[in-house]
Amino acid sequence: MHERDNVAIVANDGGLLAGTVLADALTLRERVPQAHKVALVDIAAGEPVLRYNVTIGHALRDIAAGSWVHERLLQMPAARTLDERTSVTSENITVAPARTSRSVAKPTAGFAVTPENASLPPHCTPTTRSDAGQVSRRRAFSRSRCGVAIDAPDAIVPIRTLRNISLNPNFGGEVMVVSLGCEKLQPERLLPPGTIAIEDRRGDGTEGVDVVRLQDDEHVGFMSMVDSIMAQATLHLARLDARRRETCPASDLVVGVQCGGSD
């Protein structure tokens, strides 16, 4: 929390009840749900509501200290356009060079903090891969829908997103595609040649992305599909297990956040 903030987040499980006295002797005037905001001081109508010293809205009416602050009490700011947003790059952030992290080196895509074996399914059958996931440690699952309009004008956005997820350093290039076989977004279109710069993905001397197609003739029955996924996952896990952590500058790490406020 910034020293200029006039609201704070309630972190207690289940929230806090009216009459609760906070550490700074502030008494809650009403129940404040978990992860919601409470006014730290009196906020007059029209004044900005500050969180991390950023205006998240303006009070529509007077808000007394200890009150629950929610959207119905705020005039929300207009969302910025993409052109108005600032991208964070290595050129506009500064990290103390003395800070280090114990990470797994992945020279082509940065450093990994939590190495994962990634299964990237471009289709709509979650049962098979979730069963495989229950017995396969280090897994990450992302998906699109079978009927996605892949030739629509903006379809490149979700396709590009799935593709970029597969390039995350935590996956270390150990990505396998679980394909139903009949989906519109075929593996070759999701990850075209050259997308992942690792050869011999299947351990059989061939190059390219490791793809398991569930509708192949070799798969007879549900467990055959699961066994095929697990057989390929084992190859990826073996390569991941061979990696060792090393010290790297913290400035080489790329950190993603789920929510800019809470994270």
C-alpha atoms as a PDB file:
ATOM      1  CA  MET A   1       0.000   0.000   0.000  1.00  0.00           C
ATOM      2  CA  HIS A   2       1.224   3.494  -0.859  1.00  0.00           C
ATOM      3  CA  GLU A   3       1.328   6.172   1.861  1.00  0.00           C
ATOM      4  CA  ARG A   4      -1.138   8.336  -0.112  1.00  0.00           C
ATOM      5  CA  ASP A   5      -3.741   5.573  -0.522  1.00  0.00           C
ATOM      6  CA  ASN A   6      -7.148   6.348   0.937  1.00  0.00           C
ATOM      7  CA  VAL A   7      -8.493   2.783   0.610  1.00  0.00           C
ATOM      8  CA  ALA A   8      -7.114  -0.621   1.586  1.00  0.00           C
ATOM      9  CA  ILE A   9      -7.926  -4.228   0.715  1.00  0.00           C
ATOM     10  CA  VAL A  10      -9.558  -6.558   3.258  1.00  0.00           C
ATOM     11  CA  ALA A  11      -7.590  -9.802   3.077  1.00  0.00           C
ATOM     12  CA  ASN A  12      -9.290 -11.799   5.867  1.00  0.00           C
ATOM     13  CA  ASP A  13     -11.097 -14.974   4.830  1.00  0.00           C
ATOM     14  CA  GLY A  14     -14.799 -14.197   4.687  1.00  0.00           C
ATOM     15  CA  GLY A  15     -14.243 -10.457   5.056  1.00  0.00           C
ATOM     16  CA  LEU A  16     -14.710  -8.353   8.197  1.00  0.00           C
ATOM     17  CA  LEU A  17     -17.858  -7.512  10.132  1.00  0.00           C
ATOM     18  CA  ALA A  18     -19.167  -4.079  11.047  1.00  0.00           C
ATOM     19  CA  GLY A  19     -17.619  -2.886  14.301  1.00  0.00           C
ATOM     20  CA  THR A  20     -14.275  -4.571  13.650  1.00  0.00           C
ATOM     21  CA  VAL A  21     -11.417  -2.363  14.802  1.00  0.00           C
ATOM     22  CA  LEU A  22      -8.415  -2.353  12.482  1.00  0.00           C
ATOM     23  CA  ALA A  23      -4.799  -1.960  13.499  1.00  0.00           C
ATOM     24  CA  ASP A  24      -4.895   1.830  13.053  1.00  0.00           C
ATOM     25  CA  ALA A  25      -7.980   2.119  15.336  1.00  0.00           C
ATOM     26  CA  LEU A  26     -10.271   2.488  12.327  1.00  0.00           C
ATOM     27  CA  THR A  27     -13.688   0.952  13.043  1.00  0.00           C
ATOM     28  CA  LEU A  28     -15.640  -0.616  10.186  1.00  0.00           C
ATOM     29  CA  ARG A  29     -19.046   0.971   9.674  1.00  0.00           C
ATOM     30  CA  GLU A  30     -20.369  -2.048   7.742  1.00  0.00           C
ATOM     31  CA  ARG A  31     -19.352  -5.515   6.667  1.00  0.00           C
ATOM     32  CA  VAL A  32     -16.587  -5.479   4.051  1.00  0.00           C
ATOM     33  CA  PRO A  33     -16.283  -8.669   1.952  1.00  0.00           C
ATOM     34  CA  GLN A  34     -12.941 -10.370   1.455  1.00  0.00           C
ATOM     35  CA  ALA A  35     -10.748  -8.749  -1.230  1.00  0.00           C
ATOM     36  CA  HIS A  36     -12.935  -5.611  -1.244  1.00  0.00           C
ATOM     37  CA  LYS A  37     -11.835  -2.115  -0.269  1.00  0.00           C
ATOM     38  CA  VAL A  38     -12.404  -0.088   2.873  1.00  0.00           C
ATOM     39  CA  ALA A  39     -12.073   3.704   3.137  1.00  0.00           C
ATOM     40  CA  LEU A  40      -9.163   4.638   5.398  1.00  0.00           C
ATOM     41  CA  VAL A  41     -10.225   8.293   5.673  1.00  0.00           C
ATOM     42  CA  ASP A  42     -13.278  10.373   4.847  1.00  0.00           C
ATOM     43  CA  ILE A  43     -13.499  10.766   1.065  1.00  0.00           C
ATOM     44  CA  ALA A  44     -15.551  13.700  -0.212  1.00  0.00           C
ATOM     45  CA  ALA A  45     -17.747  13.470  -3.294  1.00  0.00           C
ATOM     46  CA  GLY A  46     -15.668  14.022  -6.420  1.00  0.00           C
ATOM     47  CA  GLU A  47     -12.356  13.160  -4.738  1.00  0.00           C
ATOM     48  CA  PRO A  48     -10.141  10.486  -6.305  1.00  0.00           C
ATOM     49  CA  VAL A  49     -10.032   7.061  -4.681  1.00  0.00           C
ATOM     50  CA  LEU A  50      -6.384   6.010  -4.562  1.00  0.00           C
ATOM     51  CA  ARG A  51      -4.942   2.512  -4.507  1.00  0.00           C
ATOM     52  CA  TYR A  52      -1.151   2.197  -4.914  1.00  0.00           C
ATOM     53  CA  ASN A  53      -1.299   5.965  -5.483  1.00  0.00           C
ATOM     54  CA  VAL A  54      -3.305   5.351  -8.667  1.00  0.00           C
ATOM     55  CA  THR A  55      -6.780   6.820  -9.165  1.00  0.00           C
ATOM     56  CA  ILE A  56      -9.176   3.897  -9.538  1.00  0.00           C
ATOM     57  CA  GLY A  57     -12.280   6.102  -9.570  1.00  0.00           C
ATOM     58  CA  HIS A  58     -13.905   9.219  -8.104  1.00  0.00           C
ATOM     59  CA  ALA A  59     -16.392   9.177  -5.241  1.00  0.00           C
ATOM     60  CA  LEU A  60     -19.982   9.722  -6.406  1.00  0.00           C
ATOM     61  CA  ARG A  61     -20.929  10.860  -2.873  1.00  0.00           C
ATOM     62  CA  ASP A  62     -19.242  11.367   0.485  1.00  0.00           C
ATOM     63  CA  ILE A  63     -17.702   8.124   1.769  1.00  0.00           C
ATOM     64  CA  ALA A  64     -17.012   7.955   5.513  1.00  0.00           C
ATOM     65  CA  ALA A  65     -13.877   6.327   6.875  1.00  0.00           C
ATOM     66  CA  GLY A  66     -14.520   2.659   7.634  1.00  0.00           C
ATOM     67  CA  SER A  67     -17.050   2.263   4.817  1.00  0.00           C
ATOM     68  CA  TRP A  68     -17.072  -0.426   2.160  1.00  0.00           C
ATOM     69  CA  VAL A  69     -15.865   1.102  -1.124  1.00  0.00           C
ATOM     70  CA  HIS A  70     -17.334  -0.552  -4.210  1.00  0.00           C
ATOM     71  CA  GLU A  71     -18.136   0.274  -7.831  1.00  0.00           C
ATOM     72  CA  ARG A  72     -21.614   1.641  -7.089  1.00  0.00           C
ATOM     73  CA  LEU A  73     -19.978   4.436  -5.084  1.00  0.00           C
ATOM     74  CA  LEU A  74     -17.478   5.343  -7.773  1.00  0.00           C
ATOM     75  CA  GLN A  75     -17.342   7.090 -11.106  1.00  0.00           C
ATOM     76  CA  MET A  76     -15.078   4.671 -12.900  1.00  0.00           C
ATOM     77  CA  PRO A  77     -12.375   6.059 -15.190  1.00  0.00           C
ATOM     78  CA  ALA A  78     -12.631   5.355 -18.892  1.00  0.00           C
ATOM     79  CA  ALA A  79     -10.509   2.442 -20.054  1.00  0.00           C
ATOM     80  CA  ARG A  80      -7.386   3.421 -21.924  1.00  0.00           C
ATOM     81  CA  THR A  81      -7.001   2.412 -25.538  1.00  0.00           C
ATOM     82  CA  LEU A  82      -4.197   0.065 -26.544  1.00  0.00           C
ATOM     83  CA  ASP A  83      -2.268   3.024 -27.950  1.00  0.00           C
ATOM     84  CA  GLU A  84      -2.406   4.785 -24.587  1.00  0.00           C
ATOM     85  CA  ARG A  85      -0.980   1.897 -22.595  1.00  0.00           C
ATOM     86  CA  THR A  86       2.668   1.693 -21.627  1.00  0.00           C
ATOM     87  CA  SER A  87       4.526  -1.514 -22.381  1.00  0.00           C
ATOM     88  CA  VAL A  88       7.066  -2.660 -19.805  1.00  0.00           C
ATOM     89  CA  THR A  89      10.319  -3.702 -21.431  1.00  0.00           C
ATOM     90  CA  SER A  90      13.886  -4.279 -20.329  1.00  0.00           C
ATOM     91  CA  GLU A  91      14.636  -0.742 -21.524  1.00  0.00           C
ATOM     92  CA  ASN A  92      12.280   1.023 -19.119  1.00  0.00           C
ATOM     93  CA  ILE A  93      12.768  -0.956 -15.900  1.00  0.00           C
ATOM     94  CA  THR A  94      15.786  -1.043 -13.624  1.00  0.00           C
ATOM     95  CA  VAL A  95      16.816  -3.996 -11.465  1.00  0.00           C
ATOM     96  CA  ALA A  96      19.715  -3.917  -9.035  1.00  0.00           C
ATOM     97  CA  PRO A  97      22.441  -6.032 -10.694  1.00  0.00           C
ATOM     98  CA  ALA A  98      23.428  -7.578  -7.359  1.00  0.00           C
ATOM     99  CA  ARG A  99      20.090  -9.370  -7.061  1.00  0.00           C
ATOM    100  CA  THR A 100      20.140 -12.919  -8.349  1.00  0.00           C
ATOM    101  CA  SER A 101      17.801 -15.858  -8.760  1.00  0.00           C
ATOM    102  CA  ARG A 102      18.338 -19.613  -8.819  1.00  0.00           C
ATOM    103  CA  SER A 103      16.777 -20.551 -12.129  1.00  0.00           C
ATOM    104  CA  VAL A 104      17.011 -23.069 -14.939  1.00  0.00           C
ATOM    105  CA  ALA A 105      18.797 -21.729 -17.982  1.00  0.00           C
ATOM    106  CA  LYS A 106      16.904 -21.630 -21.254  1.00  0.00           C
ATOM    107  CA  PRO A 107      19.232 -19.508 -23.432  1.00  0.00           C
ATOM    108  CA  THR A 108      16.800 -19.088 -26.330  1.00  0.00           C
ATOM    109  CA  ALA A 109      13.910 -17.796 -24.231  1.00  0.00           C
ATOM    110  CA  GLY A 110      15.172 -16.547 -20.884  1.00  0.00           C
ATOM    111  CA  PHE A 111      15.254 -18.401 -17.588  1.00  0.00           C
ATOM    112  CA  ALA A 112      12.694 -20.740 -16.052  1.00  0.00           C
ATOM    113  CA  VAL A 113      11.657 -20.557 -12.414  1.00  0.00           C
ATOM    114  CA  THR A 114       9.300 -23.566 -12.374  1.00  0.00           C
ATOM    115  CA  PRO A 115      10.056 -26.004 -15.206  1.00  0.00           C
ATOM    116  CA  GLU A 116       6.864 -27.525 -16.582  1.00  0.00           C
ATOM    117  CA  ASN A 117       5.915 -30.140 -19.131  1.00  0.00           C
ATOM    118  CA  ALA A 118       3.235 -28.447 -21.213  1.00  0.00           C
ATOM    119  CA  SER A 119       0.356 -30.174 -22.973  1.00  0.00           C
ATOM    120  CA  LEU A 120      -1.212 -27.804 -25.502  1.00  0.00           C
ATOM    121  CA  PRO A 121      -4.604 -29.090 -26.719  1.00  0.00           C
ATOM    122  CA  PRO A 122      -6.189 -27.108 -29.572  1.00  0.00           C
ATOM    123  CA  HIS A 123      -9.509 -28.944 -29.242  1.00  0.00           C
ATOM    124  CA  CYS A 124     -12.533 -29.503 -26.994  1.00  0.00           C
ATOM    125  CA  THR A 125     -12.007 -32.870 -25.231  1.00  0.00           C
ATOM    126  CA  PRO A 126     -10.788 -32.206 -21.690  1.00  0.00           C
ATOM    127  CA  THR A 127     -11.377 -35.667 -20.196  1.00  0.00           C
ATOM    128  CA  THR A 128      -8.454 -37.527 -21.764  1.00  0.00           C
ATOM    129  CA  ARG A 129      -5.837 -34.893 -21.050  1.00  0.00           C
ATOM    130  CA  SER A 130      -7.155 -34.250 -17.519  1.00  0.00           C
ATOM    131  CA  ASP A 131      -6.848 -37.970 -16.718  1.00  0.00           C
ATOM    132  CA  ALA A 132      -3.322 -37.922 -18.076  1.00  0.00           C
ATOM    133  CA  GLY A 133      -2.651 -34.775 -16.082  1.00  0.00           C
ATOM    134  CA  GLN A 134      -3.609 -36.498 -12.845  1.00  0.00           C
ATOM    135  CA  VAL A 135      -0.674 -38.875 -13.197  1.00  0.00           C
ATOM    136  CA  SER A 136       1.742 -36.599 -15.026  1.00  0.00           C
ATOM    137  CA  ARG A 137       3.558 -34.163 -12.778  1.00  0.00           C
ATOM    138  CA  ARG A 138       4.665 -30.768 -14.111  1.00  0.00           C
ATOM    139  CA  ARG A 139       1.861 -30.139 -16.519  1.00  0.00           C
ATOM    140  CA  ALA A 140       0.139 -27.084 -17.906  1.00  0.00           C
ATOM    141  CA  PHE A 141      -2.980 -27.178 -20.015  1.00  0.00           C
ATOM    142  CA  SER A 142      -4.286 -24.489 -22.334  1.00  0.00           C
ATOM    143  CA  ARG A 143      -7.072 -24.905 -24.818  1.00  0.00           C
ATOM    144  CA  SER A 144      -9.200 -23.442 -27.558  1.00  0.00           C
ATOM    145  CA  ARG A 145     -12.571 -24.622 -28.831  1.00  0.00           C
ATOM    146  CA  CYS A 146     -13.105 -27.066 -31.695  1.00  0.00           C
ATOM    147  CA  GLY A 147     -15.473 -24.698 -33.500  1.00  0.00           C
ATOM    148  CA  VAL A 148     -13.346 -21.577 -33.174  1.00  0.00           C
ATOM    149  CA  ALA A 149     -13.609 -19.415 -36.298  1.00  0.00           C
ATOM    150  CA  ILE A 150      -9.912 -19.619 -37.132  1.00  0.00           C
ATOM    151  CA  ASP A 151     -10.300 -17.614 -40.351  1.00  0.00           C
ATOM    152  CA  ALA A 152     -12.102 -14.694 -38.680  1.00  0.00           C
ATOM    153  CA  PRO A 153     -10.275 -11.326 -38.900  1.00  0.00           C
ATOM    154  CA  ASP A 154      -9.074 -11.387 -35.268  1.00  0.00           C
ATOM    155  CA  ALA A 155      -8.611 -15.153 -34.910  1.00  0.00           C
ATOM    156  CA  ILE A 156      -4.846 -14.653 -34.959  1.00  0.00           C
ATOM    157  CA  VAL A 157      -5.112 -13.179 -31.446  1.00  0.00           C
ATOM    158  CA  PRO A 158      -6.118 -16.408 -29.575  1.00  0.00           C
ATOM    159  CA  ILE A 159      -3.942 -18.498 -31.884  1.00  0.00           C
ATOM    160  CA  ARG A 160      -0.954 -16.245 -31.225  1.00  0.00           C
ATOM    161  CA  THR A 161      -1.717 -16.336 -27.495  1.00  0.00           C
ATOM    162  CA  LEU A 162      -1.660 -20.141 -27.387  1.00  0.00           C
ATOM    163  CA  ARG A 163       1.519 -20.158 -29.459  1.00  0.00           C
ATOM    164  CA  ASN A 164       3.261 -17.665 -27.175  1.00  0.00           C
ATOM    165  CA  ILE A 165       2.215 -19.623 -24.081  1.00  0.00           C
ATOM    166  CA  SER A 166       4.098 -22.589 -25.507  1.00  0.00           C
ATOM    167  CA  LEU A 167       7.241 -20.429 -25.733  1.00  0.00           C
ATOM    168  CA  ASN A 168       7.221 -19.591 -22.000  1.00  0.00           C
ATOM    169  CA  PRO A 169      10.676 -20.361 -20.541  1.00  0.00           C
ATOM    170  CA  ASN A 170       9.065 -22.414 -17.767  1.00  0.00           C
ATOM    171  CA  PHE A 171       8.119 -24.967 -20.416  1.00  0.00           C
ATOM    172  CA  GLY A 172      11.724 -25.087 -21.598  1.00  0.00           C
ATOM    173  CA  GLY A 173      10.663 -26.100 -25.086  1.00  0.00           C
ATOM    174  CA  GLU A 174       9.109 -29.282 -23.690  1.00  0.00           C
ATOM    175  CA  VAL A 175       5.704 -28.846 -25.315  1.00  0.00           C
ATOM    176  CA  MET A 176       3.493 -31.573 -26.712  1.00  0.00           C
ATOM    177  CA  VAL A 177       0.287 -30.985 -28.632  1.00  0.00           C
ATOM    178  CA  VAL A 178      -2.660 -33.271 -27.845  1.00  0.00           C
ATOM    179  CA  SER A 179      -4.819 -33.179 -30.962  1.00  0.00           C
ATOM    180  CA  LEU A 180      -8.235 -34.720 -31.442  1.00  0.00           C
ATOM    181  CA  GLY A 181      -7.499 -34.926 -35.159  1.00  0.00           C
ATOM    182  CA  CYS A 182     -10.597 -33.222 -36.557  1.00  0.00           C
ATOM    183  CA  GLU A 183     -10.437 -29.793 -34.911  1.00  0.00           C
ATOM    184  CA  LYS A 184     -10.290 -26.698 -37.089  1.00  0.00           C
ATOM    185  CA  LEU A 185      -7.119 -25.442 -35.433  1.00  0.00           C
ATOM    186  CA  GLN A 186      -4.752 -28.177 -36.527  1.00  0.00           C
ATOM    187  CA  PRO A 187      -1.368 -28.558 -34.766  1.00  0.00           C
ATOM    188  CA  GLU A 188       0.480 -27.559 -37.941  1.00  0.00           C
ATOM    189  CA  ARG A 189      -1.345 -24.245 -37.955  1.00  0.00           C
ATOM    190  CA  LEU A 190      -1.043 -23.689 -34.209  1.00  0.00           C
ATOM    191  CA  LEU A 191       2.694 -24.381 -34.142  1.00  0.00           C
ATOM    192  CA  PRO A 192       4.105 -24.208 -37.683  1.00  0.00           C
ATOM    193  CA  PRO A 193       7.655 -25.429 -38.406  1.00  0.00           C
ATOM    194  CA  GLY A 194      10.268 -23.352 -36.646  1.00  0.00           C
ATOM    195  CA  THR A 195       7.975 -22.232 -33.821  1.00  0.00           C
ATOM    196  CA  ILE A 196       9.897 -24.216 -31.204  1.00  0.00           C
ATOM    197  CA  ALA A 197      13.602 -24.552 -31.878  1.00  0.00           C
ATOM    198  CA  ILE A 198      14.128 -28.083 -30.562  1.00  0.00           C
ATOM    199  CA  GLU A 199      14.803 -31.107 -32.718  1.00  0.00           C
ATOM    200  CA  ASP A 200      13.847 -34.770 -32.247  1.00  0.00           C
ATOM    201  CA  ARG A 201      10.761 -33.992 -30.211  1.00  0.00           C
ATOM    202  CA  ARG A 202       9.475 -37.555 -30.165  1.00  0.00           C
ATOM    203  CA  GLY A 203      12.804 -39.235 -29.577  1.00  0.00           C
ATOM    204  CA  ASP A 204      12.582 -41.106 -32.880  1.00  0.00           C
ATOM    205  CA  GLY A 205      15.017 -39.051 -34.943  1.00  0.00           C
ATOM    206  CA  THR A 206      12.351 -36.809 -36.490  1.00  0.00           C
ATOM    207  CA  GLU A 207      12.132 -33.055 -36.142  1.00  0.00           C
ATOM    208  CA  GLY A 208       9.180 -30.869 -35.299  1.00  0.00           C
ATOM    209  CA  VAL A 209       6.554 -30.466 -32.588  1.00  0.00           C
ATOM    210  CA  ASP A 210       5.530 -33.546 -30.604  1.00  0.00           C
ATOM    211  CA  VAL A 211       1.897 -34.262 -31.552  1.00  0.00           C
ATOM    212  CA  VAL A 212      -0.375 -36.985 -30.156  1.00  0.00           C
ATOM    213  CA  ARG A 213      -3.510 -37.378 -32.313  1.00  0.00           C
ATOM    214  CA  LEU A 214      -6.232 -39.148 -30.374  1.00  0.00           C
ATOM    215  CA  GLN A 215      -8.100 -40.274 -33.514  1.00  0.00           C
ATOM    216  CA  ASP A 216      -5.098 -42.101 -34.972  1.00  0.00           C
ATOM    217  CA  ASP A 217      -5.747 -45.771 -35.767  1.00  0.00           C
ATOM    218  CA  GLU A 218      -3.195 -46.830 -33.142  1.00  0.00           C
ATOM    219  CA  HIS A 219      -5.481 -45.593 -30.366  1.00  0.00           C
ATOM    220  CA  VAL A 220      -8.093 -48.219 -29.545  1.00  0.00           C
ATOM    221  CA  GLY A 221     -10.135 -47.102 -26.559  1.00  0.00           C
ATOM    222  CA  PHE A 222      -9.795 -44.405 -23.930  1.00  0.00           C
ATOM    223  CA  MET A 223      -6.845 -45.873 -21.998  1.00  0.00           C
ATOM    224  CA  SER A 224      -4.878 -46.274 -25.223  1.00  0.00           C
ATOM    225  CA  MET A 225      -5.113 -42.516 -25.692  1.00  0.00           C
ATOM    226  CA  VAL A 226      -4.015 -41.838 -22.107  1.00  0.00           C
ATOM    227  CA  ASP A 227      -1.118 -44.294 -22.414  1.00  0.00           C
ATOM    228  CA  SER A 228       0.065 -42.588 -25.608  1.00  0.00           C
ATOM    229  CA  ILE A 229       0.014 -39.169 -23.944  1.00  0.00           C
ATOM    230  CA  MET A 230       1.914 -40.507 -20.946  1.00  0.00           C
ATOM    231  CA  ALA A 231       4.529 -42.227 -23.112  1.00  0.00           C
ATOM    232  CA  GLN A 232       5.372 -38.947 -24.805  1.00  0.00           C
ATOM    233  CA  ALA A 233       5.175 -36.939 -21.571  1.00  0.00           C
ATOM    234  CA  THR A 234       7.777 -39.278 -20.053  1.00  0.00           C
ATOM    235  CA  LEU A 235      10.304 -38.255 -22.725  1.00  0.00           C
ATOM    236  CA  HIS A 236       9.749 -34.576 -21.967  1.00  0.00           C
ATOM    237  CA  LEU A 237       9.958 -35.094 -18.213  1.00  0.00           C
ATOM    238  CA  ALA A 238      13.247 -36.931 -18.551  1.00  0.00           C
ATOM    239  CA  ARG A 239      14.764 -33.964 -20.372  1.00  0.00           C
ATOM    240  CA  LEU A 240      13.361 -31.566 -17.782  1.00  0.00           C
ATOM    241  CA  ASP A 241      14.800 -33.657 -14.948  1.00  0.00           C
ATOM    242  CA  ALA A 242      18.249 -33.422 -16.527  1.00  0.00           C
ATOM    243  CA  ARG A 243      18.263 -29.637 -16.149  1.00  0.00           C
ATOM    244  CA  ARG A 244      20.012 -28.002 -13.200  1.00  0.00           C
ATOM    245  CA  ARG A 245      19.512 -24.624 -11.564  1.00  0.00           C
ATOM    246  CA  GLU A 246      22.135 -21.940 -11.867  1.00  0.00           C
ATOM    247  CA  THR A 247      22.520 -18.399 -10.601  1.00  0.00           C
ATOM    248  CA  CYS A 248      21.348 -15.694 -12.994  1.00  0.00           C
ATOM    249  CA  PRO A 249      20.723 -11.949 -12.682  1.00  0.00           C
ATOM    250  CA  ALA A 250      17.214 -11.146 -11.495  1.00  0.00           C
ATOM    251  CA  SER A 251      17.033  -8.690 -14.392  1.00  0.00           C
ATOM    252  CA  ASP A 252      16.979 -11.663 -16.790  1.00  0.00           C
ATOM    253  CA  LEU A 253      13.685 -12.910 -15.346  1.00  0.00           C
ATOM    254  CA  VAL A 254      10.386 -12.020 -16.997  1.00  0.00           C
ATOM    255  CA  VAL A 255       7.622 -11.921 -14.382  1.00  0.00           C
ATOM    256  CA  GLY A 256       3.973 -12.158 -15.380  1.00  0.00           C
ATOM    257  CA  VAL A 257       1.184 -11.048 -13.042  1.00  0.00           C
ATOM    258  CA  GLN A 258      -2.417 -12.155 -12.981  1.00  0.00           C
ATOM    259  CA  CYS A 259      -3.744  -8.916 -11.529  1.00  0.00           C
ATOM    260  CA  GLY A 260      -1.732  -5.720 -11.311  1.00  0.00           C
ATOM    261  CA  GLY A 261      -3.301  -4.701  -8.004  1.00  0.00           C
ATOM    262  CA  SER A 262      -3.182  -7.816  -5.851  1.00  0.00           C
ATOM    263  CA  ASP A 263       0.094  -9.156  -7.279  1.00  0.00           C
END
